[in-house]
Amino acid sequence: MRSFTYPALVRRDQAGRYLVTFPDLPRCATDGPTRAEALVEAADALGEAIAHRITPGSGYSPAVAAETAAASGVLVGADVRQGGIVPRRPRS
């Protein structure tokens, strides 16, 4: 199993939902009615995004941009293993 942690940006949209995006993964985004639920969904979305990028032996090892993490104040993590994804509780 490999663990991945990425900085995430959280903002509210016009409808009041919380949108979570990952600057280092431009096509990875999710939302939720509350900040807490959006972050739980973000861990799942992150795991899916990473799982689709890695293959056995690919050596995929993403780097977390420290300046992005400092600016966002939110880190989302997921554990990826063969056959499944284990989202981790978000830290903010």
PDB file of N, CA and C in Angstrom:
ATOM      1  N   MET A   1       0.846  -1.171   0.000  1.00  0.00           N
ATOM      2  CA  MET A   1       0.000   0.000   0.000  1.00  0.00           C
ATOM      3  C   MET A   1       0.894   1.237   0.000  1.00  0.00           C
ATOM      4  N   ARG A   2       0.500   2.248  -0.766  1.00  0.00           N
ATOM      5  CA  ARG A   2       1.240   3.503  -0.827  1.00  0.00           C
ATOM      6  C   ARG A   2       0.334   4.632  -0.365  1.00  0.00           C
ATOM      7  N   SER A   3       0.910   5.557   0.367  1.00  0.00           N
ATOM      8  CA  SER A   3       0.159   6.710   0.867  1.00  0.00           C
ATOM      9  C   SER A   3       0.501   7.950   0.053  1.00  0.00           C
ATOM     10  N   PHE A   4      -0.516   8.738  -0.235  1.00  0.00           N
ATOM     11  CA  PHE A   4      -0.349   9.973  -0.989  1.00  0.00           C
ATOM     12  C   PHE A   4      -1.058  11.095  -0.251  1.00  0.00           C
ATOM     13  N   THR A   5      -0.435  12.249  -0.216  1.00  0.00           N
ATOM     14  CA  THR A   5      -1.035  13.424   0.405  1.00  0.00           C
ATOM     15  C   THR A   5      -0.854  14.601  -0.545  1.00  0.00           C
ATOM     16  N   TYR A   6      -1.930  15.309  -0.794  1.00  0.00           N
ATOM     17  CA  TYR A   6      -1.906  16.448  -1.708  1.00  0.00           C
ATOM     18  C   TYR A   6      -2.552  17.651  -1.044  1.00  0.00           C
ATOM     19  N   PRO A   7      -2.065  18.840  -1.385  1.00  0.00           N
ATOM     20  CA  PRO A   7      -2.747  20.051  -0.924  1.00  0.00           C
ATOM     21  C   PRO A   7      -4.057  20.210  -1.690  1.00  0.00           C
ATOM     22  N   ALA A   8      -5.062  20.694  -0.992  1.00  0.00           N
ATOM     23  CA  ALA A   8      -6.372  20.903  -1.605  1.00  0.00           C
ATOM     24  C   ALA A   8      -6.840  22.322  -1.322  1.00  0.00           C
ATOM     25  N   LEU A   9      -7.599  22.849  -2.246  1.00  0.00           N
ATOM     26  CA  LEU A   9      -8.213  24.162  -2.068  1.00  0.00           C
ATOM     27  C   LEU A   9      -9.706  23.963  -1.845  1.00  0.00           C
ATOM     28  N   VAL A  10     -10.237  24.619  -0.828  1.00  0.00           N
ATOM     29  CA  VAL A  10     -11.660  24.495  -0.503  1.00  0.00           C
ATOM     30  C   VAL A  10     -12.297  25.871  -0.611  1.00  0.00           C
ATOM     31  N   ARG A  11     -13.392  25.936  -1.350  1.00  0.00           N
ATOM     32  CA  ARG A  11     -14.124  27.199  -1.460  1.00  0.00           C
ATOM     33  C   ARG A  11     -15.613  26.893  -1.566  1.00  0.00           C
ATOM     34  N   ARG A  12     -16.414  27.892  -1.244  1.00  0.00           N
ATOM     35  CA  ARG A  12     -17.867  27.746  -1.379  1.00  0.00           C
ATOM     36  C   ARG A  12     -18.304  28.289  -2.723  1.00  0.00           C
ATOM     37  N   ASP A  13     -19.228  27.581  -3.360  1.00  0.00           N
ATOM     38  CA  ASP A  13     -19.743  28.072  -4.627  1.00  0.00           C
ATOM     39  C   ASP A  13     -20.981  28.934  -4.382  1.00  0.00           C
ATOM     40  N   GLN A  14     -21.588  29.413  -5.447  1.00  0.00           N
ATOM     41  CA  GLN A  14     -22.729  30.309  -5.319  1.00  0.00           C
ATOM     42  C   GLN A  14     -23.940  29.637  -4.681  1.00  0.00           C
ATOM     43  N   ALA A  15     -24.017  28.328  -4.782  1.00  0.00           N
ATOM     44  CA  ALA A  15     -25.130  27.588  -4.190  1.00  0.00           C
ATOM     45  C   ALA A  15     -24.873  27.241  -2.727  1.00  0.00           C
ATOM     46  N   GLY A  16     -23.675  27.586  -2.219  1.00  0.00           N
ATOM     47  CA  GLY A  16     -23.345  27.312  -0.825  1.00  0.00           C
ATOM     48  C   GLY A  16     -22.666  25.978  -0.583  1.00  0.00           C
ATOM     49  N   ARG A  17     -22.423  25.214  -1.646  1.00  0.00           N
ATOM     50  CA  ARG A  17     -21.727  23.932  -1.502  1.00  0.00           C
ATOM     51  C   ARG A  17     -20.227  24.183  -1.425  1.00  0.00           C
ATOM     52  N   TYR A  18     -19.515  23.257  -0.825  1.00  0.00           N
ATOM     53  CA  TYR A  18     -18.066  23.353  -0.691  1.00  0.00           C
ATOM     54  C   TYR A  18     -17.415  22.578  -1.834  1.00  0.00           C
ATOM     55  N   LEU A  19     -16.591  23.269  -2.605  1.00  0.00           N
ATOM     56  CA  LEU A  19     -15.891  22.686  -3.729  1.00  0.00           C
ATOM     57  C   LEU A  19     -14.439  22.456  -3.332  1.00  0.00           C
ATOM     58  N   VAL A  20     -13.939  21.250  -3.580  1.00  0.00           N
ATOM     59  CA  VAL A  20     -12.551  20.907  -3.272  1.00  0.00           C
ATOM     60  C   VAL A  20     -11.844  20.581  -4.580  1.00  0.00           C
ATOM     61  N   THR A  21     -10.727  21.270  -4.814  1.00  0.00           N
ATOM     62  CA  THR A  21      -9.908  21.011  -5.994  1.00  0.00           C
ATOM     63  C   THR A  21      -8.469  20.759  -5.549  1.00  0.00           C
ATOM     64  N   PHE A  22      -7.710  20.133  -6.430  1.00  0.00           N
ATOM     65  CA  PHE A  22      -6.316  19.815  -6.173  1.00  0.00           C
ATOM     66  C   PHE A  22      -5.468  20.507  -7.232  1.00  0.00           C
ATOM     67  N   PRO A  23      -4.707  21.548  -6.871  1.00  0.00           N
ATOM     68  CA  PRO A  23      -3.895  22.262  -7.853  1.00  0.00           C
ATOM     69  C   PRO A  23      -2.923  21.364  -8.624  1.00  0.00           C
ATOM     70  N   ASP A  24      -2.417  20.328  -7.973  1.00  0.00           N
ATOM     71  CA  ASP A  24      -1.467  19.429  -8.624  1.00  0.00           C
ATOM     72  C   ASP A  24      -2.152  18.360  -9.477  1.00  0.00           C
ATOM     73  N   LEU A  25      -3.479  18.260  -9.380  1.00  0.00           N
ATOM     74  CA  LEU A  25      -4.255  17.293 -10.165  1.00  0.00           C
ATOM     75  C   LEU A  25      -5.435  18.050 -10.782  1.00  0.00           C
ATOM     76  N   PRO A  26      -5.218  18.745 -11.880  1.00  0.00           N
ATOM     77  CA  PRO A  26      -6.216  19.662 -12.420  1.00  0.00           C
ATOM     78  C   PRO A  26      -7.598  19.076 -12.698  1.00  0.00           C
ATOM     79  N   ARG A  27      -7.696  17.810 -12.988  1.00  0.00           N
ATOM     80  CA  ARG A  27      -9.008  17.214 -13.297  1.00  0.00           C
ATOM     81  C   ARG A  27      -9.657  16.538 -12.102  1.00  0.00           C
ATOM     82  N   CYS A  28      -9.078  16.702 -10.951  1.00  0.00           N
ATOM     83  CA  CYS A  28      -9.611  16.073  -9.745  1.00  0.00           C
ATOM     84  C   CYS A  28     -10.335  17.120  -8.904  1.00  0.00           C
ATOM     85  N   ALA A  29     -11.649  16.949  -8.755  1.00  0.00           N
ATOM     86  CA  ALA A  29     -12.454  17.887  -7.980  1.00  0.00           C
ATOM     87  C   ALA A  29     -13.686  17.161  -7.450  1.00  0.00           C
ATOM     88  N   THR A  30     -14.223  17.669  -6.365  1.00  0.00           N
ATOM     89  CA  THR A  30     -15.447  17.124  -5.801  1.00  0.00           C
ATOM     90  C   THR A  30     -16.108  18.206  -4.964  1.00  0.00           C
ATOM     91  N   ASP A  31     -17.256  17.895  -4.395  1.00  0.00           N
ATOM     92  CA  ASP A  31     -17.932  18.876  -3.555  1.00  0.00           C
ATOM     93  C   ASP A  31     -18.784  18.173  -2.513  1.00  0.00           C
ATOM     94  N   GLY A  32     -19.358  18.966  -1.620  1.00  0.00           N
ATOM     95  CA  GLY A  32     -20.238  18.440  -0.596  1.00  0.00           C
ATOM     96  C   GLY A  32     -21.024  19.566   0.039  1.00  0.00           C
ATOM     97  N   PRO A  33     -22.118  19.218   0.718  1.00  0.00           N
ATOM     98  CA  PRO A  33     -22.959  20.238   1.337  1.00  0.00           C
ATOM     99  C   PRO A  33     -22.310  20.903   2.551  1.00  0.00           C
ATOM    100  N   THR A  34     -21.367  20.202   3.186  1.00  0.00           N
ATOM    101  CA  THR A  34     -20.624  20.766   4.311  1.00  0.00           C
ATOM    102  C   THR A  34     -19.141  20.631   4.020  1.00  0.00           C
ATOM    103  N   ARG A  35     -18.336  21.424   4.708  1.00  0.00           N
ATOM    104  CA  ARG A  35     -16.879  21.348   4.508  1.00  0.00           C
ATOM    105  C   ARG A  35     -16.373  19.953   4.874  1.00  0.00           C
ATOM    106  N   ALA A  36     -16.848  19.423   5.975  1.00  0.00           N
ATOM    107  CA  ALA A  36     -16.395  18.100   6.422  1.00  0.00           C
ATOM    108  C   ALA A  36     -16.740  17.027   5.399  1.00  0.00           C
ATOM    109  N   GLU A  37     -17.959  17.060   4.874  1.00  0.00           N
ATOM    110  CA  GLU A  37     -18.352  16.052   3.891  1.00  0.00           C
ATOM    111  C   GLU A  37     -17.576  16.224   2.583  1.00  0.00           C
ATOM    112  N   ALA A  38     -17.334  17.451   2.195  1.00  0.00           N
ATOM    113  CA  ALA A  38     -16.559  17.706   0.977  1.00  0.00           C
ATOM    114  C   ALA A  38     -15.144  17.148   1.113  1.00  0.00           C
ATOM    115  N   LEU A  39     -14.541  17.255   2.297  1.00  0.00           N
ATOM    116  CA  LEU A  39     -13.190  16.734   2.507  1.00  0.00           C
ATOM    117  C   LEU A  39     -13.165  15.208   2.512  1.00  0.00           C
ATOM    118  N   VAL A  40     -14.215  14.597   3.026  1.00  0.00           N
ATOM    119  CA  VAL A  40     -14.303  13.134   2.961  1.00  0.00           C
ATOM    120  C   VAL A  40     -14.406  12.699   1.500  1.00  0.00           C
ATOM    121  N   GLU A  41     -15.255  13.386   0.745  1.00  0.00           N
ATOM    122  CA  GLU A  41     -15.388  13.090  -0.685  1.00  0.00           C
ATOM    123  C   GLU A  41     -14.072  13.352  -1.422  1.00  0.00           C
ATOM    124  N   ALA A  42     -13.343  14.369  -0.984  1.00  0.00           N
ATOM    125  CA  ALA A  42     -12.063  14.708  -1.614  1.00  0.00           C
ATOM    126  C   ALA A  42     -11.054  13.578  -1.440  1.00  0.00           C
ATOM    127  N   ALA A  43     -11.033  12.949  -0.279  1.00  0.00           N
ATOM    128  CA  ALA A  43     -10.109  11.828  -0.059  1.00  0.00           C
ATOM    129  C   ALA A  43     -10.423  10.693  -1.025  1.00  0.00           C
ATOM    130  N   ASP A  44     -11.699  10.445  -1.256  1.00  0.00           N
ATOM    131  CA  ASP A  44     -12.098   9.400  -2.198  1.00  0.00           C
ATOM    132  C   ASP A  44     -11.709   9.791  -3.622  1.00  0.00           C
ATOM    133  N   ALA A  45     -11.975  11.042  -4.001  1.00  0.00           N
ATOM    134  CA  ALA A  45     -11.628  11.518  -5.341  1.00  0.00           C
ATOM    135  C   ALA A  45     -10.114  11.455  -5.566  1.00  0.00           C
ATOM    136  N   LEU A  46      -9.344  11.832  -4.549  1.00  0.00           N
ATOM    137  CA  LEU A  46      -7.887  11.779  -4.651  1.00  0.00           C
ATOM    138  C   LEU A  46      -7.423  10.344  -4.872  1.00  0.00           C
ATOM    139  N   GLY A  47      -7.955   9.426  -4.086  1.00  0.00           N
ATOM    140  CA  GLY A  47      -7.576   8.021  -4.244  1.00  0.00           C
ATOM    141  C   GLY A  47      -7.866   7.504  -5.643  1.00  0.00           C
ATOM    142  N   GLU A  48      -9.033   7.848  -6.171  1.00  0.00           N
ATOM    143  CA  GLU A  48      -9.386   7.433  -7.535  1.00  0.00           C
ATOM    144  C   GLU A  48      -8.432   8.044  -8.556  1.00  0.00           C
ATOM    145  N   ALA A  49      -8.134   9.331  -8.399  1.00  0.00           N
ATOM    146  CA  ALA A  49      -7.240  10.009  -9.350  1.00  0.00           C
ATOM    147  C   ALA A  49      -5.857   9.375  -9.342  1.00  0.00           C
ATOM    148  N   ILE A  50      -5.347   9.068  -8.158  1.00  0.00           N
ATOM    149  CA  ILE A  50      -4.017   8.459  -8.051  1.00  0.00           C
ATOM    150  C   ILE A  50      -4.042   7.033  -8.605  1.00  0.00           C
ATOM    151  N   ALA A  51      -5.070   6.278  -8.258  1.00  0.00           N
ATOM    152  CA  ALA A  51      -5.167   4.892  -8.717  1.00  0.00           C
ATOM    153  C   ALA A  51      -5.160   4.810 -10.239  1.00  0.00           C
ATOM    154  N   HIS A  52      -5.749   5.790 -10.899  1.00  0.00           N
ATOM    155  CA  HIS A  52      -5.783   5.792 -12.362  1.00  0.00           C
ATOM    156  C   HIS A  52      -4.464   6.231 -12.970  1.00  0.00           C
ATOM    157  N   ARG A  53      -3.606   6.846 -12.170  1.00  0.00           N
ATOM    158  CA  ARG A  53      -2.316   7.317 -12.688  1.00  0.00           C
ATOM    159  C   ARG A  53      -1.182   6.319 -12.454  1.00  0.00           C
ATOM    160  N   ILE A  54      -1.352   5.424 -11.504  1.00  0.00           N
ATOM    161  CA  ILE A  54      -0.263   4.488 -11.215  1.00  0.00           C
ATOM    162  C   ILE A  54      -0.587   3.109 -11.772  1.00  0.00           C
ATOM    163  N   THR A  55       0.431   2.441 -12.188  1.00  0.00           N
ATOM    164  CA  THR A  55       0.340   1.056 -12.613  1.00  0.00           C
ATOM    165  C   THR A  55       1.510   0.330 -11.973  1.00  0.00           C
ATOM    166  N   PRO A  56       1.412  -0.972 -11.808  1.00  0.00           N
ATOM    167  CA  PRO A  56       2.531  -1.698 -11.206  1.00  0.00           C
ATOM    168  C   PRO A  56       3.843  -1.405 -11.933  1.00  0.00           C
ATOM    169  N   GLY A  57       4.846  -1.030 -11.157  1.00  0.00           N
ATOM    170  CA  GLY A  57       6.163  -0.758 -11.709  1.00  0.00           C
ATOM    171  C   GLY A  57       6.329   0.609 -12.351  1.00  0.00           C
ATOM    172  N   SER A  58       5.296   1.470 -12.250  1.00  0.00           N
ATOM    173  CA  SER A  58       5.389   2.775 -12.901  1.00  0.00           C
ATOM    174  C   SER A  58       6.332   3.719 -12.181  1.00  0.00           C
ATOM    175  N   GLY A  59       6.543   3.483 -10.891  1.00  0.00           N
ATOM    176  CA  GLY A  59       7.411   4.360 -10.129  1.00  0.00           C
ATOM    177  C   GLY A  59       6.800   5.728  -9.874  1.00  0.00           C
ATOM    178  N   TYR A  60       5.496   5.846 -10.057  1.00  0.00           N
ATOM    179  CA  TYR A  60       4.821   7.134  -9.856  1.00  0.00           C
ATOM    180  C   TYR A  60       5.013   7.585  -8.417  1.00  0.00           C
ATOM    181  N   SER A  61       5.596   8.740  -8.241  1.00  0.00           N
ATOM    182  CA  SER A  61       5.855   9.270  -6.910  1.00  0.00           C
ATOM    183  C   SER A  61       5.625  10.780  -6.944  1.00  0.00           C
ATOM    184  N   PRO A  62       4.394  11.219  -6.674  1.00  0.00           N
ATOM    185  CA  PRO A  62       4.086  12.642  -6.788  1.00  0.00           C
ATOM    186  C   PRO A  62       4.761  13.474  -5.710  1.00  0.00           C
ATOM    187  N   ALA A  63       5.108  14.667  -6.077  1.00  0.00           N
ATOM    188  CA  ALA A  63       5.681  15.615  -5.124  1.00  0.00           C
ATOM    189  C   ALA A  63       4.605  16.596  -4.699  1.00  0.00           C
ATOM    190  N   VAL A  64       4.572  16.902  -3.450  1.00  0.00           N
ATOM    191  CA  VAL A  64       3.632  17.888  -2.942  1.00  0.00           C
ATOM    192  C   VAL A  64       4.297  19.250  -2.992  1.00  0.00           C
ATOM    193  N   ALA A  65       3.644  20.202  -3.611  1.00  0.00           N
ATOM    194  CA  ALA A  65       4.174  21.556  -3.701  1.00  0.00           C
ATOM    195  C   ALA A  65       4.000  22.241  -2.353  1.00  0.00           C
ATOM    196  N   ALA A  66       5.101  22.511  -1.675  1.00  0.00           N
ATOM    197  CA  ALA A  66       5.052  23.079  -0.325  1.00  0.00           C
ATOM    198  C   ALA A  66       4.337  24.418  -0.295  1.00  0.00           C
ATOM    199  N   GLU A  67       4.562  25.251  -1.312  1.00  0.00           N
ATOM    200  CA  GLU A  67       3.918  26.557  -1.317  1.00  0.00           C
ATOM    201  C   GLU A  67       2.405  26.430  -1.486  1.00  0.00           C
ATOM    202  N   THR A  68       1.960  25.450  -2.267  1.00  0.00           N
ATOM    203  CA  THR A  68       0.527  25.226  -2.430  1.00  0.00           C
ATOM    204  C   THR A  68      -0.072  24.729  -1.128  1.00  0.00           C
ATOM    205  N   ALA A  69       0.627  23.820  -0.459  1.00  0.00           N
ATOM    206  CA  ALA A  69       0.129  23.288   0.810  1.00  0.00           C
ATOM    207  C   ALA A  69       0.038  24.393   1.849  1.00  0.00           C
ATOM    208  N   ALA A  70       1.028  25.257   1.889  1.00  0.00           N
ATOM    209  CA  ALA A  70       1.015  26.357   2.859  1.00  0.00           C
ATOM    210  C   ALA A  70      -0.113  27.329   2.561  1.00  0.00           C
ATOM    211  N   ALA A  71      -0.357  27.585   1.289  1.00  0.00           N
ATOM    212  CA  ALA A  71      -1.411  28.527   0.909  1.00  0.00           C
ATOM    213  C   ALA A  71      -2.800  27.952   1.152  1.00  0.00           C
ATOM    214  N   SER A  72      -2.969  26.659   0.933  1.00  0.00           N
ATOM    215  CA  SER A  72      -4.300  26.075   1.058  1.00  0.00           C
ATOM    216  C   SER A  72      -4.666  25.777   2.504  1.00  0.00           C
ATOM    217  N   GLY A  73      -3.684  25.373   3.295  1.00  0.00           N
ATOM    218  CA  GLY A  73      -3.957  25.034   4.685  1.00  0.00           C
ATOM    219  C   GLY A  73      -4.688  23.722   4.852  1.00  0.00           C
ATOM    220  N   VAL A  74      -4.958  23.001   3.757  1.00  0.00           N
ATOM    221  CA  VAL A  74      -5.679  21.740   3.817  1.00  0.00           C
ATOM    222  C   VAL A  74      -4.868  20.685   3.079  1.00  0.00           C
ATOM    223  N   LEU A  75      -4.646  19.558   3.733  1.00  0.00           N
ATOM    224  CA  LEU A  75      -4.002  18.423   3.086  1.00  0.00           C
ATOM    225  C   LEU A  75      -4.985  17.263   3.094  1.00  0.00           C
ATOM    226  N   VAL A  76      -5.127  16.599   1.960  1.00  0.00           N
ATOM    227  CA  VAL A  76      -6.015  15.448   1.837  1.00  0.00           C
ATOM    228  C   VAL A  76      -5.155  14.263   1.462  1.00  0.00           C
ATOM    229  N   GLY A  77      -5.397  13.121   2.095  1.00  0.00           N
ATOM    230  CA  GLY A  77      -4.593  11.944   1.822  1.00  0.00           C
ATOM    231  C   GLY A  77      -5.435  10.735   1.499  1.00  0.00           C
ATOM    232  N   ALA A  78      -4.831   9.798   0.782  1.00  0.00           N
ATOM    233  CA  ALA A  78      -5.469   8.527   0.464  1.00  0.00           C
ATOM    234  C   ALA A  78      -4.390   7.464   0.413  1.00  0.00           C
ATOM    235  N   ASP A  79      -4.741   6.272   0.839  1.00  0.00           N
ATOM    236  CA  ASP A  79      -3.851   5.125   0.730  1.00  0.00           C
ATOM    237  C   ASP A  79      -4.328   4.300  -0.454  1.00  0.00           C
ATOM    238  N   VAL A  80      -3.430   3.996  -1.370  1.00  0.00           N
ATOM    239  CA  VAL A  80      -3.791   3.258  -2.573  1.00  0.00           C
ATOM    240  C   VAL A  80      -3.097   1.910  -2.523  1.00  0.00           C
ATOM    241  N   ARG A  81      -3.862   0.872  -2.722  1.00  0.00           N
ATOM    242  CA  ARG A  81      -3.292  -0.478  -2.756  1.00  0.00           C
ATOM    243  C   ARG A  81      -3.930  -1.217  -3.923  1.00  0.00           C
ATOM    244  N   GLN A  82      -3.311  -2.278  -4.321  1.00  0.00           N
ATOM    245  CA  GLN A  82      -3.832  -3.042  -5.440  1.00  0.00           C
ATOM    246  C   GLN A  82      -5.235  -3.516  -5.087  1.00  0.00           C
ATOM    247  N   GLY A  83      -6.174  -3.197  -5.952  1.00  0.00           N
ATOM    248  CA  GLY A  83      -7.545  -3.635  -5.743  1.00  0.00           C
ATOM    249  C   GLY A  83      -8.396  -2.681  -4.937  1.00  0.00           C
ATOM    250  N   GLY A  84      -7.868  -1.543  -4.496  1.00  0.00           N
ATOM    251  CA  GLY A  84      -8.738  -0.650  -3.754  1.00  0.00           C
ATOM    252  C   GLY A  84      -8.059   0.592  -3.241  1.00  0.00           C
ATOM    253  N   ILE A  85      -8.883   1.488  -2.746  1.00  0.00           N
ATOM    254  CA  ILE A  85      -8.450   2.773  -2.219  1.00  0.00           C
ATOM    255  C   ILE A  85      -8.967   2.903  -0.806  1.00  0.00           C
ATOM    256  N   VAL A  86      -8.130   3.400   0.084  1.00  0.00           N
ATOM    257  CA  VAL A  86      -8.512   3.598   1.471  1.00  0.00           C
ATOM    258  C   VAL A  86      -8.348   5.081   1.784  1.00  0.00           C
ATOM    259  N   PRO A  87      -9.423   5.891   1.685  1.00  0.00           N
ATOM    260  CA  PRO A  87      -9.288   7.310   1.997  1.00  0.00           C
ATOM    261  C   PRO A  87      -8.901   7.515   3.459  1.00  0.00           C
ATOM    262  N   ARG A  88      -8.067   8.520   3.721  1.00  0.00           N
ATOM    263  CA  ARG A  88      -7.702   8.875   5.085  1.00  0.00           C
ATOM    264  C   ARG A  88      -8.476  10.107   5.501  1.00  0.00           C
ATOM    265  N   ARG A  89      -8.664  10.270   6.800  1.00  0.00           N
ATOM    266  CA  ARG A  89      -9.359  11.455   7.308  1.00  0.00           C
ATOM    267  C   ARG A  89      -8.595  12.708   6.919  1.00  0.00           C
ATOM    268  N   PRO A  90      -9.289  13.698   6.392  1.00  0.00           N
ATOM    269  CA  PRO A  90      -8.608  14.945   6.029  1.00  0.00           C
ATOM    270  C   PRO A  90      -8.083  15.682   7.247  1.00  0.00           C
ATOM    271  N   ARG A  91      -6.982  16.411   7.038  1.00  0.00           N
ATOM    272  CA  ARG A  91      -6.417  17.272   8.082  1.00  0.00           C
ATOM    273  C   ARG A  91      -6.537  18.704   7.632  1.00  0.00           C
ATOM    274  N   SER A  92      -6.998  19.566   8.526  1.00  0.00           N
ATOM    275  CA  SER A  92      -7.067  20.987   8.148  1.00  0.00           C
ATOM    276  C   SER A  92      -6.658  21.840   9.317  1.00  0.00           C
TER     277      SER A  92
END
